[in-house]
Amino acid sequence: MIETIGLVCVGILLLIGAGFALVGAIGLLKLPDSMTRLHAPTKVGTVGIGALLLASMIHAWVLGAGSFHEVLIMAFLFVTAPISANFLAKTNMHKNACDTPPKPPRDDTWSTYAVPAHDGALTQKMDDKPAAKG
């Protein structure tokens, strides 16, 4: 009974993994530019391959020869796939192979602790108020 349930789970996971792989391959071929083409295979790398590896692990446990190698492969894949996708996107941006994102409107205070002058009065007023009692 447990073998049947395990094999059904393996079959479902194999179908999910193969479906994601198919969609990723179609996206890689059909999407227009390099930045949008980058999106499709990264989903396959995480969800599709993860489902295939999980199916392999369940199948090994059902047969009585448990395996944790797939867990290590998944961990390595989940750590490296986003990083490599980020590097590929940055390479495309530096080579001017795609549209670059717009510059921030105020480059001197964007993503810093610096407070613009017009917001300084607001923060000063908030600092002067007594703390609310809860």
N, C-alpha and C. Protein backbone atom coordinates (compact mmCIF):
# COMPACT_ATOMS: atom_id res chain seq x y z
N MET A 1 0.82 -1.19 0.00
CA MET A 1 0.00 0.00 0.00
C MET A 1 0.87 1.26 0.00
N ILE A 2 1.88 1.29 0.89
CA ILE A 2 2.74 2.48 0.96
C ILE A 2 3.58 2.62 -0.31
N GLU A 3 3.93 1.48 -0.92
CA GLU A 3 4.69 1.53 -2.17
C GLU A 3 3.86 2.15 -3.28
N THR A 4 2.58 1.83 -3.30
CA THR A 4 1.69 2.39 -4.33
C THR A 4 1.55 3.90 -4.16
N ILE A 5 1.37 4.34 -2.94
CA ILE A 5 1.25 5.78 -2.67
C ILE A 5 2.55 6.48 -3.04
N GLY A 6 3.68 5.88 -2.69
CA GLY A 6 4.97 6.47 -3.03
C GLY A 6 5.18 6.56 -4.53
N LEU A 7 4.81 5.53 -5.25
CA LEU A 7 4.99 5.55 -6.70
C LEU A 7 4.04 6.54 -7.38
N VAL A 8 2.84 6.73 -6.83
CA VAL A 8 1.93 7.75 -7.37
C VAL A 8 2.52 9.13 -7.13
N CYS A 9 3.08 9.36 -5.96
CA CYS A 9 3.74 10.65 -5.66
C CYS A 9 4.92 10.88 -6.60
N VAL A 10 5.68 9.83 -6.86
CA VAL A 10 6.82 9.94 -7.78
C VAL A 10 6.33 10.31 -9.17
N GLY A 11 5.26 9.66 -9.62
CA GLY A 11 4.71 9.96 -10.94
C GLY A 11 4.23 11.40 -11.05
N ILE A 12 3.54 11.89 -10.02
CA ILE A 12 3.05 13.26 -10.02
C ILE A 12 4.21 14.25 -10.04
N LEU A 13 5.22 14.00 -9.21
CA LEU A 13 6.38 14.90 -9.18
C LEU A 13 7.15 14.88 -10.50
N LEU A 14 7.24 13.71 -11.14
CA LEU A 14 7.89 13.64 -12.44
C LEU A 14 7.12 14.45 -13.49
N LEU A 15 5.80 14.38 -13.45
CA LEU A 15 5.00 15.17 -14.38
C LEU A 15 5.16 16.68 -14.13
N ILE A 16 5.18 17.06 -12.86
CA ILE A 16 5.37 18.48 -12.53
C ILE A 16 6.74 18.96 -12.99
N GLY A 17 7.78 18.18 -12.70
CA GLY A 17 9.13 18.56 -13.11
C GLY A 17 9.27 18.62 -14.62
N ALA A 18 8.69 17.64 -15.32
CA ALA A 18 8.76 17.64 -16.79
C ALA A 18 7.97 18.80 -17.37
N GLY A 19 6.83 19.13 -16.75
CA GLY A 19 6.04 20.27 -17.22
C GLY A 19 6.80 21.58 -17.09
N PHE A 20 7.46 21.77 -15.96
CA PHE A 20 8.24 22.99 -15.78
C PHE A 20 9.43 23.02 -16.76
N ALA A 21 10.05 21.88 -16.99
CA ALA A 21 11.15 21.83 -17.95
C ALA A 21 10.68 22.19 -19.36
N LEU A 22 9.51 21.70 -19.74
CA LEU A 22 8.95 22.02 -21.05
C LEU A 22 8.64 23.51 -21.18
N VAL A 23 8.00 24.06 -20.16
CA VAL A 23 7.67 25.49 -20.19
C VAL A 23 8.95 26.34 -20.22
N GLY A 24 9.97 25.93 -19.47
CA GLY A 24 11.24 26.65 -19.48
C GLY A 24 11.92 26.60 -20.83
N ALA A 25 11.88 25.44 -21.48
CA ALA A 25 12.50 25.31 -22.80
C ALA A 25 11.76 26.14 -23.83
N ILE A 26 10.43 26.13 -23.78
CA ILE A 26 9.65 26.94 -24.71
C ILE A 26 9.92 28.43 -24.46
N GLY A 27 9.97 28.83 -23.20
CA GLY A 27 10.27 30.22 -22.88
C GLY A 27 11.65 30.64 -23.34
N LEU A 28 12.62 29.75 -23.20
CA LEU A 28 13.97 30.06 -23.65
C LEU A 28 14.02 30.26 -25.16
N LEU A 29 13.22 29.52 -25.88
CA LEU A 29 13.21 29.64 -27.34
C LEU A 29 12.35 30.78 -27.85
N LYS A 30 11.25 31.08 -27.19
CA LYS A 30 10.26 32.01 -27.73
C LYS A 30 10.34 33.44 -27.22
N LEU A 31 10.90 33.66 -26.05
CA LEU A 31 10.91 35.01 -25.51
C LEU A 31 11.87 35.89 -26.31
N PRO A 32 11.57 37.20 -26.44
CA PRO A 32 12.24 38.04 -27.42
C PRO A 32 13.69 38.45 -27.12
N ASP A 33 14.02 38.80 -25.89
CA ASP A 33 15.38 39.29 -25.64
C ASP A 33 16.03 38.51 -24.51
N SER A 34 17.29 38.80 -24.29
CA SER A 34 18.08 37.99 -23.36
C SER A 34 17.60 38.11 -21.91
N MET A 35 17.11 39.27 -21.51
CA MET A 35 16.68 39.42 -20.12
C MET A 35 15.38 38.65 -19.85
N THR A 36 14.46 38.64 -20.79
CA THR A 36 13.23 37.87 -20.56
C THR A 36 13.50 36.38 -20.76
N ARG A 37 14.42 36.02 -21.64
CA ARG A 37 14.78 34.61 -21.80
C ARG A 37 15.45 34.07 -20.55
N LEU A 38 16.10 34.91 -19.81
CA LEU A 38 16.76 34.49 -18.57
C LEU A 38 15.76 34.04 -17.52
N HIS A 39 14.56 34.59 -17.55
CA HIS A 39 13.56 34.30 -16.52
C HIS A 39 13.04 32.86 -16.59
N ALA A 40 12.81 32.36 -17.79
CA ALA A 40 12.20 31.03 -17.94
C ALA A 40 13.09 29.89 -17.40
N PRO A 41 14.36 29.81 -17.76
CA PRO A 41 15.16 28.69 -17.24
C PRO A 41 15.45 28.75 -15.75
N THR A 42 15.41 29.93 -15.15
CA THR A 42 15.64 29.99 -13.71
C THR A 42 14.51 29.35 -12.94
N LYS A 43 13.28 29.43 -13.46
CA LYS A 43 12.16 28.75 -12.80
C LYS A 43 12.31 27.24 -12.94
N VAL A 44 12.79 26.78 -14.09
CA VAL A 44 13.02 25.36 -14.28
C VAL A 44 14.10 24.88 -13.32
N GLY A 45 15.13 25.69 -13.14
CA GLY A 45 16.24 25.31 -12.27
C GLY A 45 15.83 25.14 -10.83
N THR A 46 14.82 25.85 -10.40
CA THR A 46 14.42 25.73 -9.00
C THR A 46 13.23 24.80 -8.82
N VAL A 47 12.15 25.09 -9.47
CA VAL A 47 10.93 24.30 -9.24
C VAL A 47 10.97 22.97 -9.99
N GLY A 48 11.30 23.00 -11.28
CA GLY A 48 11.28 21.78 -12.08
C GLY A 48 12.29 20.75 -11.65
N ILE A 49 13.53 21.17 -11.51
CA ILE A 49 14.57 20.24 -11.10
C ILE A 49 14.36 19.81 -9.65
N GLY A 50 13.84 20.71 -8.82
CA GLY A 50 13.52 20.35 -7.44
C GLY A 50 12.48 19.24 -7.38
N ALA A 51 11.46 19.32 -8.23
CA ALA A 51 10.43 18.27 -8.26
C ALA A 51 11.02 16.95 -8.76
N LEU A 52 11.88 17.01 -9.76
CA LEU A 52 12.49 15.78 -10.27
C LEU A 52 13.40 15.14 -9.22
N LEU A 53 14.15 15.94 -8.51
CA LEU A 53 15.03 15.40 -7.47
C LEU A 53 14.22 14.84 -6.29
N LEU A 54 13.12 15.49 -5.96
CA LEU A 54 12.26 14.98 -4.90
C LEU A 54 11.64 13.65 -5.31
N ALA A 55 11.27 13.53 -6.58
CA ALA A 55 10.74 12.25 -7.08
C ALA A 55 11.80 11.16 -6.98
N SER A 56 13.04 11.50 -7.31
CA SER A 56 14.12 10.52 -7.22
C SER A 56 14.35 10.09 -5.77
N MET A 57 14.27 11.03 -4.85
CA MET A 57 14.49 10.71 -3.45
C MET A 57 13.36 9.83 -2.90
N ILE A 58 12.13 10.14 -3.24
CA ILE A 58 11.00 9.31 -2.78
C ILE A 58 11.10 7.92 -3.37
N HIS A 59 11.47 7.82 -4.64
CA HIS A 59 11.59 6.52 -5.28
C HIS A 59 12.66 5.67 -4.59
N ALA A 60 13.78 6.29 -4.24
CA ALA A 60 14.83 5.55 -3.54
C ALA A 60 14.35 5.06 -2.18
N TRP A 61 13.58 5.86 -1.46
CA TRP A 61 13.07 5.45 -0.15
C TRP A 61 12.03 4.34 -0.29
N VAL A 62 11.21 4.41 -1.34
CA VAL A 62 10.20 3.35 -1.54
C VAL A 62 10.88 2.02 -1.82
N LEU A 63 11.99 2.04 -2.56
CA LEU A 63 12.70 0.81 -2.86
C LEU A 63 13.56 0.32 -1.70
N GLY A 64 13.67 1.10 -0.64
CA GLY A 64 14.41 0.68 0.53
C GLY A 64 15.87 1.07 0.52
N ALA A 65 16.30 1.84 -0.45
CA ALA A 65 17.69 2.29 -0.54
C ALA A 65 17.69 3.81 -0.43
N GLY A 66 17.36 4.32 0.76
CA GLY A 66 17.23 5.76 0.95
C GLY A 66 18.46 6.54 0.50
N SER A 67 18.20 7.75 0.03
CA SER A 67 19.28 8.57 -0.51
C SER A 67 19.09 10.02 -0.09
N PHE A 68 20.18 10.62 0.38
CA PHE A 68 20.16 12.05 0.73
C PHE A 68 21.00 12.87 -0.25
N HIS A 69 21.54 12.24 -1.29
CA HIS A 69 22.34 12.96 -2.27
C HIS A 69 21.51 14.05 -2.95
N GLU A 70 20.23 13.76 -3.18
CA GLU A 70 19.36 14.71 -3.84
C GLU A 70 19.16 15.98 -3.01
N VAL A 71 19.16 15.83 -1.69
CA VAL A 71 19.02 17.00 -0.83
C VAL A 71 20.22 17.93 -1.00
N LEU A 72 21.40 17.35 -1.09
CA LEU A 72 22.61 18.16 -1.31
C LEU A 72 22.58 18.83 -2.67
N ILE A 73 22.11 18.11 -3.68
CA ILE A 73 22.01 18.69 -5.02
C ILE A 73 21.02 19.84 -5.02
N MET A 74 19.86 19.65 -4.38
CA MET A 74 18.85 20.72 -4.31
C MET A 74 19.39 21.94 -3.57
N ALA A 75 20.07 21.72 -2.46
CA ALA A 75 20.63 22.85 -1.71
C ALA A 75 21.63 23.62 -2.56
N PHE A 76 22.50 22.91 -3.24
CA PHE A 76 23.48 23.57 -4.10
C PHE A 76 22.78 24.32 -5.23
N LEU A 77 21.77 23.71 -5.81
CA LEU A 77 21.04 24.33 -6.91
C LEU A 77 20.29 25.57 -6.45
N PHE A 78 19.63 25.50 -5.31
CA PHE A 78 18.86 26.64 -4.83
C PHE A 78 19.76 27.80 -4.40
N VAL A 79 20.99 27.51 -4.05
CA VAL A 79 21.92 28.58 -3.70
C VAL A 79 22.56 29.20 -4.93
N THR A 80 22.93 28.37 -5.90
CA THR A 80 23.69 28.88 -7.04
C THR A 80 22.84 29.43 -8.18
N ALA A 81 21.63 28.93 -8.38
CA ALA A 81 20.81 29.37 -9.52
C ALA A 81 20.48 30.86 -9.46
N PRO A 82 20.01 31.41 -8.33
CA PRO A 82 19.74 32.85 -8.31
C PRO A 82 20.99 33.70 -8.48
N ILE A 83 22.10 33.23 -7.95
CA ILE A 83 23.34 34.01 -8.07
C ILE A 83 23.80 34.05 -9.51
N SER A 84 23.77 32.91 -10.19
CA SER A 84 24.21 32.90 -11.59
C SER A 84 23.25 33.70 -12.46
N ALA A 85 21.95 33.66 -12.18
CA ALA A 85 20.99 34.47 -12.94
C ALA A 85 21.26 35.96 -12.72
N ASN A 86 21.60 36.34 -11.49
CA ASN A 86 21.93 37.73 -11.20
C ASN A 86 23.17 38.17 -11.97
N PHE A 87 24.19 37.31 -12.01
CA PHE A 87 25.40 37.65 -12.75
C PHE A 87 25.13 37.77 -14.24
N LEU A 88 24.31 36.88 -14.80
CA LEU A 88 23.97 36.98 -16.22
C LEU A 88 23.22 38.27 -16.52
N ALA A 89 22.29 38.65 -15.64
CA ALA A 89 21.54 39.89 -15.84
C ALA A 89 22.47 41.10 -15.76
N LYS A 90 23.38 41.11 -14.79
CA LYS A 90 24.32 42.23 -14.68
C LYS A 90 25.25 42.32 -15.89
N THR A 91 25.65 41.16 -16.40
CA THR A 91 26.49 41.16 -17.59
C THR A 91 25.76 41.77 -18.78
N ASN A 92 24.49 41.41 -18.94
CA ASN A 92 23.70 41.99 -20.02
C ASN A 92 23.56 43.49 -19.85
N MET A 93 23.39 43.94 -18.62
CA MET A 93 23.25 45.38 -18.38
C MET A 93 24.57 46.10 -18.67
N HIS A 94 25.70 45.53 -18.26
CA HIS A 94 26.99 46.19 -18.47
C HIS A 94 27.41 46.19 -19.94
N LYS A 95 26.98 45.18 -20.68
CA LYS A 95 27.28 45.14 -22.11
C LYS A 95 26.30 45.97 -22.93
N ASN A 96 25.35 46.61 -22.26
CA ASN A 96 24.29 47.38 -22.92
C ASN A 96 23.52 46.52 -23.91
N ALA A 97 23.33 45.26 -23.57
CA ALA A 97 22.57 44.34 -24.42
C ALA A 97 21.08 44.42 -24.13
N CYS A 98 20.69 45.24 -23.16
CA CYS A 98 19.28 45.37 -22.80
C CYS A 98 19.04 46.78 -22.31
N ASP A 99 17.78 47.10 -22.09
CA ASP A 99 17.45 48.40 -21.52
C ASP A 99 17.89 48.43 -20.07
N THR A 100 18.59 49.47 -19.70
CA THR A 100 19.02 49.59 -18.31
C THR A 100 17.90 50.20 -17.49
N PRO A 101 17.82 49.88 -16.23
CA PRO A 101 16.78 50.49 -15.39
C PRO A 101 17.04 51.99 -15.25
N PRO A 102 16.00 52.77 -15.02
CA PRO A 102 16.20 54.22 -14.90
C PRO A 102 17.00 54.56 -13.65
N LYS A 103 17.68 55.68 -13.71
CA LYS A 103 18.42 56.17 -12.54
C LYS A 103 17.44 56.62 -11.47
N PRO A 104 17.81 56.51 -10.21
CA PRO A 104 16.91 57.01 -9.16
C PRO A 104 16.80 58.52 -9.27
N PRO A 105 15.65 59.08 -8.87
CA PRO A 105 15.45 60.52 -9.05
C PRO A 105 16.42 61.37 -8.24
N ARG A 106 16.78 60.95 -7.06
CA ARG A 106 17.74 61.69 -6.25
C ARG A 106 18.85 60.72 -5.89
N ASP A 107 19.91 60.77 -6.63
CA ASP A 107 20.97 59.79 -6.47
C ASP A 107 21.80 60.02 -5.21
N ASP A 108 21.70 61.20 -4.61
CA ASP A 108 22.50 61.48 -3.42
C ASP A 108 21.91 60.88 -2.15
N THR A 109 20.60 60.61 -2.13
CA THR A 109 19.99 60.06 -0.92
C THR A 109 19.38 58.68 -1.14
N TRP A 110 19.39 58.19 -2.35
CA TRP A 110 18.78 56.90 -2.63
C TRP A 110 19.63 55.80 -2.01
N SER A 111 19.03 54.93 -1.24
CA SER A 111 19.68 53.78 -0.62
C SER A 111 20.81 54.19 0.32
N THR A 112 20.61 55.29 1.02
CA THR A 112 21.58 55.74 2.02
C THR A 112 20.83 56.16 3.27
N TYR A 113 21.57 56.52 4.29
CA TYR A 113 20.96 57.06 5.50
C TYR A 113 20.80 58.57 5.44
N ALA A 114 21.25 59.18 4.36
CA ALA A 114 21.12 60.63 4.22
C ALA A 114 19.64 60.99 4.08
N VAL A 115 19.22 62.06 4.76
CA VAL A 115 17.83 62.49 4.71
C VAL A 115 17.76 63.76 3.86
N PRO A 116 16.88 63.80 2.85
CA PRO A 116 16.73 65.02 2.06
C PRO A 116 16.29 66.18 2.95
N ALA A 117 16.61 67.39 2.52
CA ALA A 117 16.32 68.57 3.34
C ALA A 117 14.82 68.72 3.60
N HIS A 118 13.98 68.47 2.59
CA HIS A 118 12.54 68.64 2.79
C HIS A 118 11.95 67.58 3.72
N ASP A 119 12.62 66.45 3.90
CA ASP A 119 12.16 65.43 4.85
C ASP A 119 12.76 65.63 6.24
N GLY A 120 13.80 66.45 6.33
CA GLY A 120 14.45 66.68 7.62
C GLY A 120 13.51 67.29 8.65
N ALA A 121 12.64 68.20 8.20
CA ALA A 121 11.68 68.82 9.12
C ALA A 121 10.70 67.78 9.65
N LEU A 122 10.29 66.85 8.81
CA LEU A 122 9.35 65.81 9.25
C LEU A 122 10.00 64.90 10.30
N THR A 123 11.23 64.51 10.07
CA THR A 123 11.89 63.64 11.03
C THR A 123 12.15 64.38 12.34
N GLN A 124 12.42 65.68 12.26
CA GLN A 124 12.65 66.47 13.47
C GLN A 124 11.36 66.54 14.29
N LYS A 125 10.21 66.75 13.61
CA LYS A 125 8.94 66.81 14.33
C LYS A 125 8.62 65.47 14.99
N MET A 126 8.93 64.38 14.31
CA MET A 126 8.65 63.06 14.87
C MET A 126 9.55 62.77 16.07
N ASP A 127 10.78 63.27 16.02
CA ASP A 127 11.70 63.05 17.15
C ASP A 127 11.28 63.84 18.37
N ASP A 128 10.61 65.02 18.16
CA ASP A 128 10.23 65.87 19.27
C ASP A 128 8.97 65.38 20.00
N LYS A 129 8.16 64.55 19.35
CA LYS A 129 6.92 64.07 19.96
C LYS A 129 7.24 63.07 21.06
N PRO A 130 6.48 63.10 22.16
CA PRO A 130 6.70 62.09 23.20
C PRO A 130 6.22 60.73 22.71
N ALA A 131 6.82 59.71 23.21
CA ALA A 131 6.47 58.34 22.80
C ALA A 131 5.07 58.01 23.29
N ALA A 132 4.31 57.34 22.46
CA ALA A 132 2.94 56.94 22.82
C ALA A 132 2.99 55.84 23.87
N LYS A 133 2.11 55.92 24.82
CA LYS A 133 2.06 54.89 25.85
C LYS A 133 1.17 53.76 25.38
N GLY A 134 1.62 52.53 25.51
CA GLY A 134 0.85 51.39 25.02
C GLY A 134 0.47 50.55 26.12
